[in-house]
């Protein structure tokens, strides 16, 4: 299994598979922070599309926070992993407490990252949701459902790496799912990267504060325009 050097390299490779969406005025890139932002910045640069964040927070199982029992997103969206909730017999009040805490962090991050800038208008546009990878897919599922409430024309999920089972599930949520590679067996998202250092808030702010300028746009080479999908 090959690995990406870092999130920026992963973003450049992912962008090659999204070339059909390049230089279209209706295309907008929404990154899931924090790790999805460096990936999405490369995609936005290649496609000549505006970049914004879409904040989603994982609901970790108390005491085992890396295990997602669900996720929340802007717009009051809550997605639960019922298999995890049932198998661990997690009571509703525990879920509510975790969700309340994560909502505070979600609100904080939205204020911090945008620094007063309004969110990007996505109604009737093609929204490409980008993260650095998909394991359970709970956060991306919450993002897709929340974005749908704003009536985009099309929702595309795009990631450098993902678990095959998660691809299958999310294909039914998004209009399109584009993935650079699907490792077999899939272990973790981080296993697909040499450098998987946590992206900082400062890095996110820097990438969002300096959008691509017209002179920096990369025009696609003369080659067939093809999508690489997460196929079975």
Protein backbone atom coordinates (compact mmCIF):
# COMPACT_ATOMS: atom_id res chain seq x y z
CA UNK A 1 0.00 0.00 0.00
CA UNK A 2 1.41 3.37 -0.98
CA UNK A 3 1.20 6.33 1.38
CA UNK A 4 0.99 10.09 0.88
CA UNK A 5 3.88 12.21 2.07
CA UNK A 6 1.50 14.63 3.80
CA UNK A 7 -1.94 16.20 3.44
CA UNK A 8 -0.76 18.63 0.78
CA UNK A 9 0.47 15.85 -1.47
CA UNK A 10 -2.77 13.97 -0.84
CA UNK A 11 -4.73 17.07 -1.86
CA UNK A 12 -2.79 17.43 -5.11
CA UNK A 13 -3.47 13.82 -6.05
CA UNK A 14 -7.12 14.10 -5.10
CA UNK A 15 -7.45 17.28 -7.17
CA UNK A 16 -6.38 15.38 -10.30
CA UNK A 17 -9.46 13.20 -9.90
CA UNK A 18 -11.72 16.25 -9.61
CA UNK A 19 -10.59 18.03 -12.78
CA UNK A 20 -14.08 17.84 -14.36
CA UNK A 21 -15.15 20.41 -11.76
CA UNK A 22 -12.30 22.83 -12.52
CA UNK A 23 -12.96 26.48 -13.37
CA UNK A 24 -16.71 26.20 -13.07
CA UNK A 25 -18.32 29.18 -11.34
CA UNK A 26 -20.80 26.93 -9.51
CA UNK A 27 -18.07 24.85 -7.80
CA UNK A 28 -17.21 25.53 -4.16
CA UNK A 29 -14.86 23.57 -1.88
CA UNK A 30 -15.85 23.01 1.76
CA UNK A 31 -13.17 21.55 4.04
CA UNK A 32 -13.83 19.59 7.21
CA UNK A 33 -11.38 21.06 9.74
CA UNK A 34 -8.88 20.67 10.82
CA UNK A 35 -7.17 17.92 8.83
CA UNK A 36 -9.30 18.40 5.74
CA UNK A 37 -8.22 22.02 5.23
CA UNK A 38 -4.68 21.43 3.83
CA UNK A 39 -6.12 18.78 1.51
CA UNK A 40 -8.95 21.06 0.39
CA UNK A 41 -6.60 24.03 -0.11
CA UNK A 42 -4.72 22.05 -2.76
CA UNK A 43 -7.99 20.98 -4.38
CA UNK A 44 -9.26 24.57 -4.44
CA UNK A 45 -5.98 25.78 -5.95
CA UNK A 46 -6.08 23.19 -8.72
CA UNK A 47 -9.76 23.68 -9.54
CA UNK A 48 -9.73 27.47 -9.22
CA UNK A 49 -12.63 27.30 -6.76
CA UNK A 50 -13.42 29.20 -3.55
CA UNK A 51 -12.47 27.51 -0.28
CA UNK A 52 -14.39 27.58 2.98
CA UNK A 53 -14.74 25.39 6.06
CA UNK A 54 -17.69 23.32 7.14
CA UNK A 55 -17.35 22.53 10.83
CA UNK A 56 -18.38 19.07 12.01
CA UNK A 57 -17.61 17.57 15.40
CA UNK A 58 -17.27 13.89 16.19
CA UNK A 59 -19.15 12.56 19.22
CA UNK A 60 -16.60 10.35 20.92
CA UNK A 61 -17.55 7.59 23.35
CA UNK A 62 -16.67 8.81 26.89
CA UNK A 63 -13.43 7.17 27.92
CA UNK A 64 -12.79 6.03 24.35
CA UNK A 65 -12.97 9.34 22.52
CA UNK A 66 -11.38 8.02 19.31
CA UNK A 67 -14.38 5.74 18.87
CA UNK A 68 -17.16 7.74 17.21
CA UNK A 69 -20.70 7.19 18.38
CA UNK A 70 -21.84 9.91 16.01
CA UNK A 71 -21.27 13.49 14.92
CA UNK A 72 -22.90 16.92 14.83
CA UNK A 73 -22.77 19.65 12.19
CA UNK A 74 -24.00 23.18 11.64
CA UNK A 75 -27.75 23.39 11.24
CA UNK A 76 -28.62 21.21 14.22
CA UNK A 77 -27.70 17.96 12.45
CA UNK A 78 -26.88 14.96 14.67
CA UNK A 79 -25.89 11.61 13.19
CA UNK A 80 -25.56 8.60 15.50
CA UNK A 81 -23.76 5.32 14.89
CA UNK A 82 -26.54 3.11 16.18
CA UNK A 83 -24.33 0.00 16.16
CA UNK A 84 -21.92 1.65 18.61
CA UNK A 85 -24.70 3.15 20.72
CA UNK A 86 -26.54 -0.16 21.03
CA UNK A 87 -23.50 -2.38 21.57
CA UNK A 88 -22.13 -0.13 24.34
CA UNK A 89 -25.60 0.69 25.71
CA UNK A 90 -24.87 4.41 25.76
CA UNK A 91 -27.77 6.27 27.42
CA UNK A 92 -29.41 9.28 25.80
CA UNK A 93 -28.33 11.68 28.54
CA UNK A 94 -24.66 10.78 27.94
CA UNK A 95 -25.08 11.40 24.21
CA UNK A 96 -26.75 14.75 24.94
CA UNK A 97 -23.93 15.79 27.29
CA UNK A 98 -21.22 14.97 24.73
CA UNK A 99 -23.20 16.69 21.95
CA UNK A 100 -23.63 19.84 24.07
CA UNK A 101 -19.89 20.03 24.75
CA UNK A 102 -19.00 19.48 21.10
CA UNK A 103 -21.53 22.12 20.01
CA UNK A 104 -19.62 24.70 22.05
CA UNK A 105 -16.39 23.71 20.28
CA UNK A 106 -18.13 23.75 16.89
CA UNK A 107 -19.35 27.30 17.51
CA UNK A 108 -15.89 28.40 18.72
CA UNK A 109 -14.19 27.04 15.63
CA UNK A 110 -16.62 28.63 13.21
CA UNK A 111 -15.94 32.05 14.78
CA UNK A 112 -12.18 31.48 14.91
CA UNK A 113 -11.67 30.19 11.39
CA UNK A 114 -13.83 32.69 9.55
CA UNK A 115 -12.64 35.69 11.57
CA UNK A 116 -15.86 37.57 10.84
CA UNK A 117 -16.16 36.45 7.22
CA UNK A 118 -19.62 35.19 6.23
CA UNK A 119 -20.03 31.58 5.20
CA UNK A 120 -19.99 30.82 1.48
CA UNK A 121 -23.35 30.74 -0.27
CA UNK A 122 -23.93 27.19 -1.54
CA UNK A 123 -27.54 27.21 -2.72
CA UNK A 124 -27.76 25.84 -6.31
CA UNK A 125 -23.98 25.24 -6.37
CA UNK A 126 -21.81 22.15 -6.66
CA UNK A 127 -20.37 21.54 -3.19
CA UNK A 128 -17.25 19.40 -2.87
CA UNK A 129 -16.82 18.28 0.75
CA UNK A 130 -13.19 17.40 1.50
CA UNK A 131 -11.56 15.63 4.43
CA UNK A 132 -8.19 13.93 4.87
CA UNK A 133 -9.81 10.48 4.98
CA UNK A 134 -12.81 8.44 6.05
CA UNK A 135 -12.81 5.77 8.73
CA UNK A 136 -16.34 5.44 10.14
CA UNK A 137 -17.58 8.36 8.03
CA UNK A 138 -19.83 9.73 10.79
CA UNK A 139 -18.54 13.29 10.52
CA UNK A 140 -18.81 13.33 6.74
CA UNK A 141 -22.31 11.89 6.89
CA UNK A 142 -23.33 14.71 9.24
CA UNK A 143 -21.73 17.24 6.90
CA UNK A 144 -23.59 15.92 3.86
CA UNK A 145 -26.94 15.98 5.65
CA UNK A 146 -26.36 19.50 6.93
CA UNK A 147 -25.23 20.82 3.53
CA UNK A 148 -28.35 19.32 1.93
CA UNK A 149 -30.46 21.65 4.10
CA UNK A 150 -28.99 24.59 2.17
CA UNK A 151 -30.21 23.22 -1.18
CA UNK A 152 -27.03 22.81 -3.23
CA UNK A 153 -27.35 21.56 -6.80
CA UNK A 154 -24.91 18.71 -6.17
CA UNK A 155 -22.91 17.28 -3.23
CA UNK A 156 -19.60 15.55 -3.90
CA UNK A 157 -17.62 13.83 -1.14
CA UNK A 158 -13.89 13.80 -1.93
CA UNK A 159 -11.13 12.22 0.17
CA UNK A 160 -7.62 10.87 -0.41
CA UNK A 161 -8.24 7.60 1.48
CA UNK A 162 -11.20 5.71 2.90
CA UNK A 163 -12.45 2.38 4.20
CA UNK A 164 -14.35 0.49 1.50
CA UNK A 165 -17.35 -0.17 3.75
CA UNK A 166 -17.61 3.54 4.53
CA UNK A 167 -17.46 4.37 0.83
CA UNK A 168 -20.38 2.06 0.20
CA UNK A 169 -22.47 3.70 2.90
CA UNK A 170 -21.68 7.29 1.93
CA UNK A 171 -22.29 6.66 -1.75
CA UNK A 172 -25.97 6.59 -0.85
CA UNK A 173 -25.70 9.96 0.93
CA UNK A 174 -23.78 12.02 -1.65
CA UNK A 175 -24.42 12.53 -5.34
CA UNK A 176 -20.85 11.41 -6.00
CA UNK A 177 -17.98 9.99 -3.99
CA UNK A 178 -14.41 10.47 -5.22
CA UNK A 179 -11.48 8.78 -3.52
CA UNK A 180 -7.79 8.67 -4.41
CA UNK A 181 -7.30 5.19 -2.94
CA UNK A 182 -9.10 2.54 -0.91
CA UNK A 183 -6.49 0.55 1.07
CA UNK A 184 -7.08 -3.15 1.63
CA UNK A 185 -7.12 -3.81 4.48
CA UNK A 186 -7.96 -0.37 5.82
CA UNK A 187 -6.44 0.28 9.25
CA UNK A 188 -6.65 3.99 10.03
CA UNK A 189 -6.65 7.25 8.07
CA UNK A 190 -3.22 8.06 9.50
CA UNK A 191 -1.76 4.85 8.08
CA UNK A 192 -2.11 6.38 4.60
CA UNK A 193 0.27 9.24 5.47
CA UNK A 194 3.97 9.50 6.28
CA UNK A 195 3.33 12.79 8.08
CA UNK A 196 -0.04 12.88 9.83
CA UNK A 197 0.82 15.67 12.27
CA UNK A 198 -2.29 17.34 13.64
CA UNK A 199 -3.26 20.48 11.73
CA UNK A 200 -3.37 23.52 14.03
CA UNK A 201 -5.97 26.27 14.27
CA UNK A 202 -3.31 28.73 13.12
CA UNK A 203 -2.66 26.70 9.96
CA UNK A 204 -6.37 26.57 9.20
CA UNK A 205 -6.69 30.33 9.62
CA UNK A 206 -3.67 30.94 7.40
CA UNK A 207 -4.97 28.72 4.59
CA UNK A 208 -8.41 30.33 4.70
CA UNK A 209 -7.11 33.90 4.95
CA UNK A 210 -5.13 33.64 1.70
CA UNK A 211 -7.49 32.37 -1.00
CA UNK A 212 -6.26 31.53 -4.47
CA UNK A 213 -5.71 34.60 -6.65
CA UNK A 214 -6.73 34.62 -10.33
CA UNK A 215 -3.11 34.56 -11.49
CA UNK A 216 -2.48 31.42 -9.43
CA UNK A 217 -5.17 29.29 -11.05
CA UNK A 218 -3.93 26.10 -12.65
CA UNK A 219 -5.66 25.22 -15.88
CA UNK A 220 -6.06 21.51 -16.57
CA UNK A 221 -3.84 19.97 -19.21
CA UNK A 222 -5.32 18.62 -22.42
CA UNK A 223 -6.21 15.15 -21.29
CA UNK A 224 -9.37 13.07 -20.90
CA UNK A 225 -11.50 14.21 -17.97
CA UNK A 226 -12.25 11.20 -15.80
CA UNK A 227 -13.39 10.60 -12.23
CA UNK A 228 -11.89 7.86 -10.10
CA UNK A 229 -14.62 6.53 -7.87
CA UNK A 230 -14.58 4.25 -4.86
CA UNK A 231 -15.90 1.26 -6.74
CA UNK A 232 -16.44 -2.20 -5.21
